[in-house]
């Protein structure tokens, strides 16, 4: 691996997944209830 790329990867932050389960559950519930973010219809 090239030194510049390796250094850049060391500085990158890990993904923030603290609330991923909550968001996934809320998205699933909204889809099941037919709710859309902008009030559109399911396609």
C-alpha atoms as a PDB file:
ATOM      1  CA  UNK A   1       0.000   0.000   0.000  1.00  0.00           C
ATOM      2  CA  UNK A   2       1.270   3.447  -0.855  1.00  0.00           C
ATOM      3  CA  UNK A   3       2.372   5.527   2.160  1.00  0.00           C
ATOM      4  CA  UNK A   4       0.000   8.418   1.391  1.00  0.00           C
ATOM      5  CA  UNK A   5      -3.015   6.113   1.147  1.00  0.00           C
ATOM      6  CA  UNK A   6      -2.013   4.255   4.289  1.00  0.00           C
ATOM      7  CA  UNK A   7      -1.691   7.533   6.213  1.00  0.00           C
ATOM      8  CA  UNK A   8      -5.094   8.737   4.969  1.00  0.00           C
ATOM      9  CA  UNK A   9      -6.739   5.490   6.066  1.00  0.00           C
ATOM     10  CA  UNK A  10      -5.228   5.820   9.538  1.00  0.00           C
ATOM     11  CA  UNK A  11      -6.799   9.269   9.925  1.00  0.00           C
ATOM     12  CA  UNK A  12     -10.290   8.265   8.822  1.00  0.00           C
ATOM     13  CA  UNK A  13     -12.855   7.828  11.564  1.00  0.00           C
ATOM     14  CA  UNK A  14     -14.831   4.619  11.953  1.00  0.00           C
ATOM     15  CA  UNK A  15     -18.495   4.828  10.926  1.00  0.00           C
ATOM     16  CA  UNK A  16     -20.927   6.071  13.548  1.00  0.00           C
ATOM     17  CA  UNK A  17     -23.249   3.114  14.067  1.00  0.00           C
ATOM     18  CA  UNK A  18     -24.478   3.954  17.564  1.00  0.00           C
ATOM     19  CA  UNK A  19     -28.127   4.334  16.492  1.00  0.00           C
ATOM     20  CA  UNK A  20     -28.204   2.135  13.388  1.00  0.00           C
ATOM     21  CA  UNK A  21     -30.577  -0.387  14.991  1.00  0.00           C
ATOM     22  CA  UNK A  22     -33.054   2.333  15.968  1.00  0.00           C
ATOM     23  CA  UNK A  23     -33.008   3.909  12.510  1.00  0.00           C
ATOM     24  CA  UNK A  24     -33.355   0.551  10.780  1.00  0.00           C
ATOM     25  CA  UNK A  25     -36.335  -0.379  12.955  1.00  0.00           C
ATOM     26  CA  UNK A  26     -37.983   3.019  12.406  1.00  0.00           C
ATOM     27  CA  UNK A  27     -37.496   2.725   8.639  1.00  0.00           C
ATOM     28  CA  UNK A  28     -38.955  -0.795   8.598  1.00  0.00           C
ATOM     29  CA  UNK A  29     -41.956   0.301  10.663  1.00  0.00           C
ATOM     30  CA  UNK A  30     -42.596   3.309   8.407  1.00  0.00           C
ATOM     31  CA  UNK A  31     -42.457   1.158   5.275  1.00  0.00           C
ATOM     32  CA  UNK A  32     -44.806  -1.429   6.768  1.00  0.00           C
ATOM     33  CA  UNK A  33     -47.264   1.324   7.741  1.00  0.00           C
ATOM     34  CA  UNK A  34     -47.070   2.878   4.280  1.00  0.00           C
ATOM     35  CA  UNK A  35     -45.516   6.120   5.550  1.00  0.00           C
ATOM     36  CA  UNK A  36     -43.077   7.972   3.330  1.00  0.00           C
ATOM     37  CA  UNK A  37     -40.696  10.786   4.202  1.00  0.00           C
ATOM     38  CA  UNK A  38     -42.334  13.280   1.860  1.00  0.00           C
ATOM     39  CA  UNK A  39     -45.829  11.824   1.909  1.00  0.00           C
ATOM     40  CA  UNK A  40     -45.439  10.097  -1.454  1.00  0.00           C
ATOM     41  CA  UNK A  41     -46.756   6.704  -2.362  1.00  0.00           C
ATOM     42  CA  UNK A  42     -44.740   3.492  -2.118  1.00  0.00           C
ATOM     43  CA  UNK A  43     -43.347   2.475  -5.477  1.00  0.00           C
END
